[in-house]
């Protein structure tokens, strides 16, 4: 499989090219410069692997949850590239990408969603890939969905920011927390490969961000 993956869901911008069993990836702290950085990064990554867009089997992108603007950038770039090369696309949940990056078998992924909330999901690794134990949702850290058993690993910016609350909430369940982990294109390329191999890629026109939160500001009466 030959896959281009890109992610702009956080303050970082990352691109990866998977070619069979090898992955070339790059990541930069973009701030607000994702739209200026992403296409040059894609061009550089493809150039370093010697691949043209038309030689790829598909394009993966970080669908969300995450920064609303960032999700739209990644989706739009993936659509534009896929349209031009007639390629299928795969949107990858950023929380599942965190689980993949963690390298553990039972992972609780939490991303800071601002407004004192987190995007949350829990995954368990099986022979067929990641199985959702708790689907992606938006919640207060203190109200995060429970998980069965023990030996869970927590990761993501949600655990970085709300460590004490989540440690207490998952007392007896979480045995390890990985700090500083974030979604990236490398993990997304790995997750997209079996899906594209099974023909689960979609038409570029059908690609869409996964926002979860349906608005970013509360009215005065809702505060």
Foldseek 3Di string as FASTA:
>chain_A
DWEWEWEQQEQKTKIWIDDPPDIDMDMDRNRPNNLVPHVVRSVVRCVVVVHDLLPGQAYEYAQDDGDPVRNVSRLVVRLVSCVVNVHFYYHDHFQLLLVLVVPDFKEWEWEDPPPQKIFIWIWGQDPVGTDTPGDTAIGHLLPDDAGDAADYEYEYVCCVVCVVNNCVSCPRHHDYYDYPGGGHRVSRVVVCVVCSVVVNTHRSVPDHHDHNDPDDDDDPVVD
